[in-house]
């Protein structure tokens, strides 16, 4: 018979990966061993409070609920932010135009970026070349 709740196998896998016995779930997660066993057997689904406790113990809630993503929160460490591709020629031309128009130094950067972003969004320039 298939368990009614799909979380059981994931909860068991996670518990074993963090090296916690079912008998220790009360002290580690604040969930009684009998309740945790019901979760693992698929006889009962953990509520929000139980899932919060598992997350505080290092489980990735998305993985627990859907099976997607890494099992552990520690594996969600953000990687480097991608550097946006910038058409330097176009951005430089916008900056020169703003300076020639007398835009103050403190406003040149934000204004140039806004004009540049708008031009890219409208397809007037391409971020990877000189034309759109």
C-alpha atoms as a PDB file:
ATOM      1  CA  UNK A   1       0.000   0.000   0.000  1.00  0.00           C
ATOM      2  CA  UNK A   2       1.338   3.409  -0.992  1.00  0.00           C
ATOM      3  CA  UNK A   3       1.631   5.946   1.844  1.00  0.00           C
ATOM      4  CA  UNK A   4      -1.041   8.658   1.906  1.00  0.00           C
ATOM      5  CA  UNK A   5       1.570  11.396   2.301  1.00  0.00           C
ATOM      6  CA  UNK A   6       4.643  11.604   0.068  1.00  0.00           C
ATOM      7  CA  UNK A   7       6.821  13.256   2.705  1.00  0.00           C
ATOM      8  CA  UNK A   8       7.675  10.094   4.613  1.00  0.00           C
ATOM      9  CA  UNK A   9      10.540   8.847   2.484  1.00  0.00           C
ATOM     10  CA  UNK A  10      12.083  12.314   2.319  1.00  0.00           C
ATOM     11  CA  UNK A  11      11.790  12.806   6.084  1.00  0.00           C
ATOM     12  CA  UNK A  12      13.449   9.453   6.697  1.00  0.00           C
ATOM     13  CA  UNK A  13      16.240  10.217   4.242  1.00  0.00           C
ATOM     14  CA  UNK A  14      16.818  13.646   5.822  1.00  0.00           C
ATOM     15  CA  UNK A  15      16.736  12.294   9.401  1.00  0.00           C
ATOM     16  CA  UNK A  16      19.286   9.637   8.493  1.00  0.00           C
ATOM     17  CA  UNK A  17      21.493  12.184   6.704  1.00  0.00           C
ATOM     18  CA  UNK A  18      21.676  14.306   9.866  1.00  0.00           C
ATOM     19  CA  UNK A  19      22.326  11.129  11.879  1.00  0.00           C
ATOM     20  CA  UNK A  20      19.324  11.327  14.207  1.00  0.00           C
ATOM     21  CA  UNK A  21      17.571   8.181  15.445  1.00  0.00           C
ATOM     22  CA  UNK A  22      13.784   8.134  15.574  1.00  0.00           C
ATOM     23  CA  UNK A  23      14.043   7.824  19.341  1.00  0.00           C
ATOM     24  CA  UNK A  24      15.872  11.191  19.451  1.00  0.00           C
ATOM     25  CA  UNK A  25      13.408  13.217  17.378  1.00  0.00           C
ATOM     26  CA  UNK A  26      11.824  14.752  20.492  1.00  0.00           C
ATOM     27  CA  UNK A  27      15.097  16.245  21.725  1.00  0.00           C
ATOM     28  CA  UNK A  28      16.380  17.191  18.263  1.00  0.00           C
ATOM     29  CA  UNK A  29      13.212  18.430  16.535  1.00  0.00           C
ATOM     30  CA  UNK A  30      10.565  18.724  19.246  1.00  0.00           C
ATOM     31  CA  UNK A  31       8.481  15.979  17.621  1.00  0.00           C
ATOM     32  CA  UNK A  32       7.655  12.816  19.548  1.00  0.00           C
ATOM     33  CA  UNK A  33       9.128   9.600  18.149  1.00  0.00           C
ATOM     34  CA  UNK A  34       5.672   8.107  17.586  1.00  0.00           C
ATOM     35  CA  UNK A  35       4.519  11.174  15.635  1.00  0.00           C
ATOM     36  CA  UNK A  36       7.729  11.260  13.613  1.00  0.00           C
ATOM     37  CA  UNK A  37       7.340   7.564  12.825  1.00  0.00           C
ATOM     38  CA  UNK A  38       3.832   8.286  11.483  1.00  0.00           C
ATOM     39  CA  UNK A  39       5.328  10.998   9.266  1.00  0.00           C
ATOM     40  CA  UNK A  40       7.948   8.597   7.910  1.00  0.00           C
ATOM     41  CA  UNK A  41       5.369   5.878   7.293  1.00  0.00           C
ATOM     42  CA  UNK A  42       3.171   8.341   5.405  1.00  0.00           C
ATOM     43  CA  UNK A  43       0.320   7.881   7.872  1.00  0.00           C
ATOM     44  CA  UNK A  44       0.323  11.553   8.831  1.00  0.00           C
ATOM     45  CA  UNK A  45       1.631  14.777   7.307  1.00  0.00           C
ATOM     46  CA  UNK A  46       3.707  17.215   9.344  1.00  0.00           C
ATOM     47  CA  UNK A  47       2.084  20.579   9.990  1.00  0.00           C
ATOM     48  CA  UNK A  48       3.645  24.005   9.671  1.00  0.00           C
ATOM     49  CA  UNK A  49       5.116  23.941  13.189  1.00  0.00           C
ATOM     50  CA  UNK A  50       6.831  20.607  12.612  1.00  0.00           C
ATOM     51  CA  UNK A  51       8.182  21.701   9.239  1.00  0.00           C
ATOM     52  CA  UNK A  52       9.493  24.897  10.857  1.00  0.00           C
ATOM     53  CA  UNK A  53      11.361  22.755  13.398  1.00  0.00           C
ATOM     54  CA  UNK A  54      12.863  20.641  10.632  1.00  0.00           C
ATOM     55  CA  UNK A  55      13.954  23.783   8.788  1.00  0.00           C
ATOM     56  CA  UNK A  56      15.541  25.157  11.960  1.00  0.00           C
ATOM     57  CA  UNK A  57      17.420  21.846  12.179  1.00  0.00           C
ATOM     58  CA  UNK A  58      18.777  22.343   8.650  1.00  0.00           C
ATOM     59  CA  UNK A  59      16.208  20.802   6.291  1.00  0.00           C
ATOM     60  CA  UNK A  60      15.228  22.605   3.092  1.00  0.00           C
ATOM     61  CA  UNK A  61      11.427  23.012   3.298  1.00  0.00           C
ATOM     62  CA  UNK A  62      11.121  23.082  -0.494  1.00  0.00           C
ATOM     63  CA  UNK A  63      12.842  19.705  -0.716  1.00  0.00           C
ATOM     64  CA  UNK A  64      10.755  18.255   2.126  1.00  0.00           C
ATOM     65  CA  UNK A  65       7.490  19.328   0.494  1.00  0.00           C
ATOM     66  CA  UNK A  66       8.230  18.814  -3.207  1.00  0.00           C
ATOM     67  CA  UNK A  67      11.413  16.783  -3.492  1.00  0.00           C
ATOM     68  CA  UNK A  68      12.952  19.613  -5.529  1.00  0.00           C
ATOM     69  CA  UNK A  69      16.225  21.339  -4.751  1.00  0.00           C
ATOM     70  CA  UNK A  70      18.899  20.305  -2.277  1.00  0.00           C
ATOM     71  CA  UNK A  71      17.923  18.419   0.866  1.00  0.00           C
ATOM     72  CA  UNK A  72      19.907  20.635   3.237  1.00  0.00           C
ATOM     73  CA  UNK A  73      19.717  24.395   3.728  1.00  0.00           C
ATOM     74  CA  UNK A  74      23.507  24.472   3.863  1.00  0.00           C
ATOM     75  CA  UNK A  75      23.542  23.397   0.221  1.00  0.00           C
ATOM     76  CA  UNK A  76      21.495  26.466  -0.761  1.00  0.00           C
ATOM     77  CA  UNK A  77      24.471  28.768  -0.259  1.00  0.00           C
ATOM     78  CA  UNK A  78      24.218  31.477  -2.876  1.00  0.00           C
ATOM     79  CA  UNK A  79      26.733  31.378  -5.661  1.00  0.00           C
ATOM     80  CA  UNK A  80      28.276  34.415  -7.260  1.00  0.00           C
ATOM     81  CA  UNK A  81      25.829  36.842  -8.800  1.00  0.00           C
ATOM     82  CA  UNK A  82      25.965  36.807 -12.585  1.00  0.00           C
ATOM     83  CA  UNK A  83      27.525  39.911 -14.052  1.00  0.00           C
ATOM     84  CA  UNK A  84      25.072  41.581 -16.421  1.00  0.00           C
ATOM     85  CA  UNK A  85      26.170  41.926 -20.003  1.00  0.00           C
ATOM     86  CA  UNK A  86      26.626  45.616 -20.791  1.00  0.00           C
ATOM     87  CA  UNK A  87      27.010  47.352 -24.129  1.00  0.00           C
ATOM     88  CA  UNK A  88      29.866  49.587 -22.998  1.00  0.00           C
ATOM     89  CA  UNK A  89      29.805  51.679 -26.184  1.00  0.00           C
ATOM     90  CA  UNK A  90      26.121  52.523 -25.766  1.00  0.00           C
ATOM     91  CA  UNK A  91      26.377  53.190 -22.029  1.00  0.00           C
ATOM     92  CA  UNK A  92      29.420  55.427 -22.574  1.00  0.00           C
ATOM     93  CA  UNK A  93      27.533  57.413 -25.213  1.00  0.00           C
ATOM     94  CA  UNK A  94      24.629  57.921 -22.811  1.00  0.00           C
ATOM     95  CA  UNK A  95      26.997  59.094 -20.066  1.00  0.00           C
ATOM     96  CA  UNK A  96      28.756  61.525 -22.439  1.00  0.00           C
ATOM     97  CA  UNK A  97      25.405  62.919 -23.548  1.00  0.00           C
ATOM     98  CA  UNK A  98      24.271  63.456 -19.968  1.00  0.00           C
ATOM     99  CA  UNK A  99      27.524  65.206 -19.047  1.00  0.00           C
ATOM    100  CA  UNK A 100      27.283  67.437 -22.135  1.00  0.00           C
ATOM    101  CA  UNK A 101      23.678  68.230 -21.172  1.00  0.00           C
ATOM    102  CA  UNK A 102      24.888  69.449 -17.774  1.00  0.00           C
ATOM    103  CA  UNK A 103      23.476  66.670 -15.603  1.00  0.00           C
ATOM    104  CA  UNK A 104      25.091  66.844 -12.147  1.00  0.00           C
ATOM    105  CA  UNK A 105      27.818  64.324 -11.336  1.00  0.00           C
ATOM    106  CA  UNK A 106      25.759  62.595  -8.624  1.00  0.00           C
ATOM    107  CA  UNK A 107      22.871  62.040 -11.041  1.00  0.00           C
ATOM    108  CA  UNK A 108      24.845  60.891 -14.097  1.00  0.00           C
ATOM    109  CA  UNK A 109      25.265  57.257 -12.977  1.00  0.00           C
ATOM    110  CA  UNK A 110      21.675  56.488 -11.954  1.00  0.00           C
ATOM    111  CA  UNK A 111      20.220  58.446 -14.875  1.00  0.00           C
ATOM    112  CA  UNK A 112      22.544  56.790 -17.397  1.00  0.00           C
ATOM    113  CA  UNK A 113      21.679  53.323 -16.086  1.00  0.00           C
ATOM    114  CA  UNK A 114      17.944  54.070 -16.250  1.00  0.00           C
ATOM    115  CA  UNK A 115      18.223  55.348 -19.852  1.00  0.00           C
ATOM    116  CA  UNK A 116      20.408  52.391 -20.797  1.00  0.00           C
ATOM    117  CA  UNK A 117      18.037  49.850 -19.201  1.00  0.00           C
ATOM    118  CA  UNK A 118      15.036  51.454 -20.905  1.00  0.00           C
ATOM    119  CA  UNK A 119      16.806  51.410 -24.287  1.00  0.00           C
ATOM    120  CA  UNK A 120      17.685  47.718 -23.890  1.00  0.00           C
ATOM    121  CA  UNK A 121      14.122  46.880 -22.794  1.00  0.00           C
ATOM    122  CA  UNK A 122      12.714  48.682 -25.846  1.00  0.00           C
ATOM    123  CA  UNK A 123      15.126  46.887 -28.167  1.00  0.00           C
ATOM    124  CA  UNK A 124      16.858  50.119 -29.197  1.00  0.00           C
ATOM    125  CA  UNK A 125      20.249  48.713 -28.221  1.00  0.00           C
ATOM    126  CA  UNK A 126      21.482  45.203 -27.569  1.00  0.00           C
ATOM    127  CA  UNK A 127      23.433  44.477 -24.383  1.00  0.00           C
ATOM    128  CA  UNK A 128      25.917  42.387 -26.364  1.00  0.00           C
ATOM    129  CA  UNK A 129      26.571  44.722 -29.286  1.00  0.00           C
ATOM    130  CA  UNK A 130      26.165  48.155 -30.781  1.00  0.00           C
ATOM    131  CA  UNK A 131      22.689  47.895 -32.253  1.00  0.00           C
ATOM    132  CA  UNK A 132      19.296  46.518 -31.440  1.00  0.00           C
END
